[in-house]
Structure formats: C-alpha cells, structure tokens
Amino acid sequence: MSTSAKNKKIDRREFVATLISQTPESLVVTGLGSAAYDVFAAGDRHTNYYLWGAMGGSTSIGLGLAVAQPDKSVVVITGDGEQLMGIQSLLVTTT
C-alpha cells in the first residue's frame, strides 16, 4: 500500500451525507453525539429519528422499525461506544 493511500482519511460527515442522499426513502436512526449532528447536517427530514438520551438504543430502535415496517429500509448511524452499550441488539435469533 502506498504512503498516500495509508494517510488518506474518510471525512465522516461527507460519508454520512452521501449515504443519506443515496437512501432518500430510508428511515434513519441516529446514536448520540456526532452521529446525530452528522445526520442533521445532511438535511433534517421527518424520517430521521434522533435518539438523545438513549445510549445504546439506536440499533434496537432500528431493528424494531425494520420489523414493524418491513416495506421500508432502515439505516442506523451510530458510534462505537454507543453501539457497545447496546451490543445485545445484534444478537437476534429466529425460531
């Protein structure tokens, strides 16, 4: 890998804006802090769910929305620490 490729960084806010622009019909759930700020900066819309004060809840809420509204896509944008608080939401089992 070249040195320039190693030093190249992804701009988080730009990435989030691009993701949201490519999923215009999606329900978007955010975690705390930067995730919520980045989604809001990309353009507030009525299908955005900002979870202030719900540490660890973003993927659980996202999963609930996906199950309740299977005809809609759901995007969850969160951070590593917030996700670790709700890691159990990734352990979904089916019977």
Protein backbone atom coordinates (compact mmCIF):
# COMPACT_ATOMS: atom_id res chain seq x y z
CA MET A 1 0.00 0.00 0.00
CA SER A 2 1.40 3.39 -0.91
CA THR A 3 2.06 6.04 1.72
CA SER A 4 -0.58 8.34 0.24
CA ALA A 5 -3.21 5.57 0.44
CA LYS A 6 -2.29 4.88 4.07
CA ASN A 7 -2.68 8.51 5.06
CA LYS A 8 -5.98 9.06 3.28
CA LYS A 9 -8.80 9.65 5.73
CA ILE A 10 -12.52 9.45 5.19
CA ASP A 11 -14.47 12.57 6.09
CA ARG A 12 -17.21 11.19 8.36
CA ARG A 13 -19.70 13.99 7.77
CA GLU A 14 -19.26 13.75 3.99
CA PHE A 15 -19.69 9.97 4.14
CA VAL A 16 -22.92 10.26 6.16
CA ALA A 17 -24.30 12.90 3.77
CA THR A 18 -23.53 10.68 0.78
CA LEU A 19 -25.12 7.64 2.43
CA ILE A 20 -28.29 9.52 3.28
CA SER A 21 -28.52 11.06 -0.20
CA GLN A 22 -28.33 7.56 -1.69
CA THR A 23 -31.11 6.24 0.57
CA PRO A 24 -33.73 9.02 0.36
CA GLU A 25 -36.69 6.84 1.38
CA SER A 26 -34.98 5.21 4.37
CA LEU A 27 -35.87 5.67 7.99
CA VAL A 28 -32.69 6.95 9.64
CA VAL A 29 -31.95 6.30 13.32
CA THR A 30 -29.01 8.01 14.98
CA GLY A 31 -26.97 7.32 18.03
CA LEU A 32 -25.75 10.06 20.31
CA GLY A 33 -23.46 13.00 19.61
CA SER A 34 -21.61 13.13 16.31
CA ALA A 35 -23.91 10.63 14.63
CA ALA A 36 -26.93 12.83 15.28
CA TYR A 37 -25.07 16.01 14.32
CA ASP A 38 -23.87 14.46 11.05
CA VAL A 39 -27.33 13.26 10.06
CA PHE A 40 -28.89 16.61 10.91
CA ALA A 41 -26.19 18.44 8.92
CA ALA A 42 -27.02 16.25 5.91
CA GLY A 43 -30.58 17.58 6.00
CA ASP A 44 -33.28 17.20 8.60
CA ARG A 45 -36.32 15.25 7.45
CA HIS A 46 -39.37 13.71 9.08
CA THR A 47 -37.97 10.18 8.70
CA ASN A 48 -34.93 10.91 10.90
CA TYR A 49 -35.03 9.66 14.49
CA TYR A 50 -32.50 11.38 16.75
CA LEU A 51 -32.03 9.43 19.99
CA TRP A 52 -30.88 11.97 22.53
CA GLY A 53 -30.51 10.36 25.94
CA ALA A 54 -30.95 6.79 24.70
CA MET A 55 -27.40 5.47 24.98
CA GLY A 56 -27.18 2.06 23.35
CA GLY A 57 -30.66 2.15 21.86
CA SER A 58 -30.09 3.03 18.22
CA THR A 59 -29.77 -0.48 16.78
CA SER A 60 -32.65 -1.75 18.93
CA ILE A 61 -34.88 1.05 17.65
CA GLY A 62 -33.66 0.43 14.10
CA LEU A 63 -34.43 -3.27 14.38
CA GLY A 64 -37.87 -2.51 15.80
CA LEU A 65 -38.64 -0.15 12.93
CA ALA A 66 -37.43 -2.71 10.37
CA VAL A 67 -39.63 -5.44 11.86
CA ALA A 68 -42.66 -3.16 12.21
CA GLN A 69 -42.31 -1.68 8.71
CA PRO A 70 -40.72 -4.37 6.52
CA ASP A 71 -41.52 -2.42 3.35
CA LYS A 72 -39.11 0.38 4.38
CA SER A 73 -35.36 0.34 4.59
CA VAL A 74 -33.76 1.43 7.85
CA VAL A 75 -30.32 2.99 8.26
CA VAL A 76 -28.71 3.24 11.70
CA ILE A 77 -25.83 5.65 12.14
CA THR A 78 -24.05 5.40 15.46
CA GLY A 79 -20.66 5.33 17.08
CA ASP A 80 -18.59 2.51 18.51
CA GLY A 81 -19.08 3.36 22.19
CA GLU A 82 -22.82 3.85 21.83
CA GLN A 83 -23.07 0.55 19.95
CA LEU A 84 -21.14 -1.29 22.64
CA MET A 85 -23.76 -0.14 25.16
CA GLY A 86 -26.42 -1.88 23.05
CA ILE A 87 -24.41 -4.79 21.64
CA GLN A 88 -27.14 -7.28 22.55
CA SER A 89 -29.34 -5.83 19.80
CA LEU A 90 -27.07 -7.51 17.24
CA LEU A 91 -27.79 -10.95 18.72
CA VAL A 92 -31.15 -11.53 17.07
CA THR A 93 -32.29 -15.15 16.83
CA THR A 94 -35.14 -16.64 14.89
CA THR A 95 -37.25 -19.62 15.87
